[in-house]
Amino acid sequence: MLKKACPQCGAESFSADGTGEDWVCPECGSDISDVKAERPE
């Protein structure tokens, strides 16, 4: 599982995809594909 934080609204988003590509913030709809993904603790 991967986690990203949206730089536009600050919302955290999680994905089980594993690649981190083609990622849209579920809160504000911003494209966060270029944001570095992290493994949640």
PDB file of N, CA and C in Angstrom:
ATOM      1  N   MET A   1       0.845  -1.174   0.000  1.00  0.00           N
ATOM      2  CA  MET A   1       0.000   0.000   0.000  1.00  0.00           C
ATOM      3  C   MET A   1       0.891   1.239   0.000  1.00  0.00           C
ATOM      4  N   LEU A   2       0.454   2.264  -0.732  1.00  0.00           N
ATOM      5  CA  LEU A   2       1.190   3.519  -0.816  1.00  0.00           C
ATOM      6  C   LEU A   2       0.327   4.671  -0.329  1.00  0.00           C
ATOM      7  N   LYS A   3       0.991   5.735   0.124  1.00  0.00           N
ATOM      8  CA  LYS A   3       0.302   6.927   0.609  1.00  0.00           C
ATOM      9  C   LYS A   3       0.921   8.157  -0.032  1.00  0.00           C
ATOM     10  N   LYS A   4       0.073   9.123  -0.386  1.00  0.00           N
ATOM     11  CA  LYS A   4       0.539  10.420  -0.872  1.00  0.00           C
ATOM     12  C   LYS A   4      -0.246  11.508  -0.162  1.00  0.00           C
ATOM     13  N   ALA A   5       0.395  12.660   0.005  1.00  0.00           N
ATOM     14  CA  ALA A   5      -0.270  13.828   0.565  1.00  0.00           C
ATOM     15  C   ALA A   5      -0.412  14.858  -0.550  1.00  0.00           C
ATOM     16  N   CYS A   6      -1.622  15.328  -0.763  1.00  0.00           N
ATOM     17  CA  CYS A   6      -1.890  16.295  -1.822  1.00  0.00           C
ATOM     18  C   CYS A   6      -1.315  17.661  -1.448  1.00  0.00           C
ATOM     19  N   PRO A   7      -0.477  18.256  -2.306  1.00  0.00           N
ATOM     20  CA  PRO A   7       0.083  19.572  -2.012  1.00  0.00           C
ATOM     21  C   PRO A   7      -0.947  20.694  -2.137  1.00  0.00           C
ATOM     22  N   GLN A   8      -2.057  20.443  -2.808  1.00  0.00           N
ATOM     23  CA  GLN A   8      -3.088  21.465  -2.996  1.00  0.00           C
ATOM     24  C   GLN A   8      -3.993  21.602  -1.774  1.00  0.00           C
ATOM     25  N   CYS A   9      -4.488  20.458  -1.249  1.00  0.00           N
ATOM     26  CA  CYS A   9      -5.459  20.519  -0.149  1.00  0.00           C
ATOM     27  C   CYS A   9      -4.969  19.856   1.135  1.00  0.00           C
ATOM     28  N   GLY A  10      -3.855  19.124   1.060  1.00  0.00           N
ATOM     29  CA  GLY A  10      -3.293  18.483   2.242  1.00  0.00           C
ATOM     30  C   GLY A  10      -3.890  17.134   2.596  1.00  0.00           C
ATOM     31  N   ALA A  11      -4.866  16.666   1.820  1.00  0.00           N
ATOM     32  CA  ALA A  11      -5.502  15.378   2.108  1.00  0.00           C
ATOM     33  C   ALA A  11      -4.539  14.227   1.851  1.00  0.00           C
ATOM     34  N   GLU A  12      -4.636  13.196   2.683  1.00  0.00           N
ATOM     35  CA  GLU A  12      -3.855  11.987   2.466  1.00  0.00           C
ATOM     36  C   GLU A  12      -4.662  11.023   1.621  1.00  0.00           C
ATOM     37  N   SER A  13      -3.988  10.362   0.690  1.00  0.00           N
ATOM     38  CA  SER A  13      -4.628   9.421  -0.218  1.00  0.00           C
ATOM     39  C   SER A  13      -3.846   8.119  -0.180  1.00  0.00           C
ATOM     40  N   PHE A  14      -4.567   7.000  -0.219  1.00  0.00           N
ATOM     41  CA  PHE A  14      -3.943   5.683  -0.136  1.00  0.00           C
ATOM     42  C   PHE A  14      -4.293   4.859  -1.364  1.00  0.00           C
ATOM     43  N   SER A  15      -3.358   3.999  -1.784  1.00  0.00           N
ATOM     44  CA  SER A  15      -3.599   3.137  -2.934  1.00  0.00           C
ATOM     45  C   SER A  15      -2.946   1.782  -2.708  1.00  0.00           C
ATOM     46  N   ALA A  16      -3.647   0.739  -3.087  1.00  0.00           N
ATOM     47  CA  ALA A  16      -3.094  -0.610  -3.017  1.00  0.00           C
ATOM     48  C   ALA A  16      -2.481  -1.021  -4.350  1.00  0.00           C
ATOM     49  N   ASP A  17      -2.535  -0.116  -5.335  1.00  0.00           N
ATOM     50  CA  ASP A  17      -2.028  -0.391  -6.682  1.00  0.00           C
ATOM     51  C   ASP A  17      -0.555  -0.769  -6.661  1.00  0.00           C
ATOM     52  N   GLY A  18       0.256  -0.029  -5.906  1.00  0.00           N
ATOM     53  CA  GLY A  18       1.669  -0.340  -5.794  1.00  0.00           C
ATOM     54  C   GLY A  18       2.573   0.415  -6.740  1.00  0.00           C
ATOM     55  N   THR A  19       2.024   1.054  -7.779  1.00  0.00           N
ATOM     56  CA  THR A  19       2.870   1.767  -8.735  1.00  0.00           C
ATOM     57  C   THR A  19       2.956   3.258  -8.437  1.00  0.00           C
ATOM     58  N   GLY A  20       1.893   3.861  -7.925  1.00  0.00           N
ATOM     59  CA  GLY A  20       1.885   5.291  -7.642  1.00  0.00           C
ATOM     60  C   GLY A  20       1.672   6.151  -8.864  1.00  0.00           C
ATOM     61  N   GLU A  21       1.380   5.539 -10.010  1.00  0.00           N
ATOM     62  CA  GLU A  21       1.166   6.286 -11.247  1.00  0.00           C
ATOM     63  C   GLU A  21      -0.308   6.635 -11.410  1.00  0.00           C
ATOM     64  N   ASP A  22      -0.595   7.644 -12.219  1.00  0.00           N
ATOM     65  CA  ASP A  22      -1.967   8.052 -12.530  1.00  0.00           C
ATOM     66  C   ASP A  22      -2.806   8.177 -11.262  1.00  0.00           C
ATOM     67  N   TRP A  23      -2.431   9.121 -10.413  1.00  0.00           N
ATOM     68  CA  TRP A  23      -3.049   9.258  -9.101  1.00  0.00           C
ATOM     69  C   TRP A  23      -3.728  10.618  -9.009  1.00  0.00           C
ATOM     70  N   VAL A  24      -5.007  10.618  -8.683  1.00  0.00           N
ATOM     71  CA  VAL A  24      -5.787  11.846  -8.534  1.00  0.00           C
ATOM     72  C   VAL A  24      -6.244  11.944  -7.085  1.00  0.00           C
ATOM     73  N   CYS A  25      -6.118  13.131  -6.492  1.00  0.00           N
ATOM     74  CA  CYS A  25      -6.554  13.349  -5.114  1.00  0.00           C
ATOM     75  C   CYS A  25      -8.064  13.131  -5.013  1.00  0.00           C
ATOM     76  N   PRO A  26      -8.513  12.279  -4.088  1.00  0.00           N
ATOM     77  CA  PRO A  26      -9.942  12.014  -3.953  1.00  0.00           C
ATOM     78  C   PRO A  26     -10.719  13.183  -3.350  1.00  0.00           C
ATOM     79  N   GLU A  27     -10.018  14.126  -2.718  1.00  0.00           N
ATOM     80  CA  GLU A  27     -10.688  15.264  -2.087  1.00  0.00           C
ATOM     81  C   GLU A  27     -10.899  16.432  -3.044  1.00  0.00           C
ATOM     82  N   CYS A  28      -9.817  16.843  -3.746  1.00  0.00           N
ATOM     83  CA  CYS A  28      -9.921  18.047  -4.580  1.00  0.00           C
ATOM     84  C   CYS A  28      -9.782  17.777  -6.073  1.00  0.00           C
ATOM     85  N   GLY A  29      -9.400  16.545  -6.451  1.00  0.00           N
ATOM     86  CA  GLY A  29      -9.301  16.195  -7.860  1.00  0.00           C
ATOM     87  C   GLY A  29      -7.993  16.578  -8.531  1.00  0.00           C
ATOM     88  N   SER A  30      -7.018  17.087  -7.767  1.00  0.00           N
ATOM     89  CA  SER A  30      -5.720  17.450  -8.346  1.00  0.00           C
ATOM     90  C   SER A  30      -4.951  16.206  -8.772  1.00  0.00           C
ATOM     91  N   ASP A  31      -4.179  16.339  -9.846  1.00  0.00           N
ATOM     92  CA  ASP A  31      -3.310  15.255 -10.298  1.00  0.00           C
ATOM     93  C   ASP A  31      -2.086  15.231  -9.384  1.00  0.00           C
ATOM     94  N   ILE A  32      -1.946  14.179  -8.599  1.00  0.00           N
ATOM     95  CA  ILE A  32      -0.802  14.068  -7.690  1.00  0.00           C
ATOM     96  C   ILE A  32       0.122  12.917  -8.105  1.00  0.00           C
ATOM     97  N   SER A  33       0.095  12.589  -9.382  1.00  0.00           N
ATOM     98  CA  SER A  33       0.931  11.507  -9.906  1.00  0.00           C
ATOM     99  C   SER A  33       2.416  11.768  -9.679  1.00  0.00           C
ATOM    100  N   ASP A  34       2.845  13.040  -9.702  1.00  0.00           N
ATOM    101  CA  ASP A  34       4.259  13.376  -9.553  1.00  0.00           C
ATOM    102  C   ASP A  34       4.698  13.512  -8.099  1.00  0.00           C
ATOM    103  N   VAL A  35       3.751  13.443  -7.160  1.00  0.00           N
ATOM    104  CA  VAL A  35       4.087  13.529  -5.737  1.00  0.00           C
ATOM    105  C   VAL A  35       4.712  12.203  -5.305  1.00  0.00           C
ATOM    106  N   LYS A  36       5.769  12.279  -4.509  1.00  0.00           N
ATOM    107  CA  LYS A  36       6.449  11.065  -4.052  1.00  0.00           C
ATOM    108  C   LYS A  36       5.531  10.249  -3.140  1.00  0.00           C
ATOM    109  N   ALA A  37       5.414   8.966  -3.440  1.00  0.00           N
ATOM    110  CA  ALA A  37       4.606   8.054  -2.624  1.00  0.00           C
ATOM    111  C   ALA A  37       5.447   7.505  -1.480  1.00  0.00           C
ATOM    112  N   GLU A  38       4.792   7.268  -0.351  1.00  0.00           N
ATOM    113  CA  GLU A  38       5.449   6.702   0.821  1.00  0.00           C
ATOM    114  C   GLU A  38       4.689   5.471   1.273  1.00  0.00           C
ATOM    115  N   ARG A  39       5.348   4.632   2.025  1.00  0.00           N
ATOM    116  CA  ARG A  39       4.683   3.482   2.644  1.00  0.00           C
ATOM    117  C   ARG A  39       4.124   3.961   3.985  1.00  0.00           C
ATOM    118  N   PRO A  40       2.813   3.793   4.215  1.00  0.00           N
ATOM    119  CA  PRO A  40       2.241   4.229   5.495  1.00  0.00           C
ATOM    120  C   PRO A  40       2.776   3.389   6.649  1.00  0.00           C
ATOM    121  N   GLU A  41       2.864   4.006   7.815  1.00  0.00           N
ATOM    122  CA  GLU A  41       3.371   3.301   9.003  1.00  0.00           C
ATOM    123  C   GLU A  41       2.288   2.478   9.655  1.00  0.00           C
TER     124      GLU A  41
END
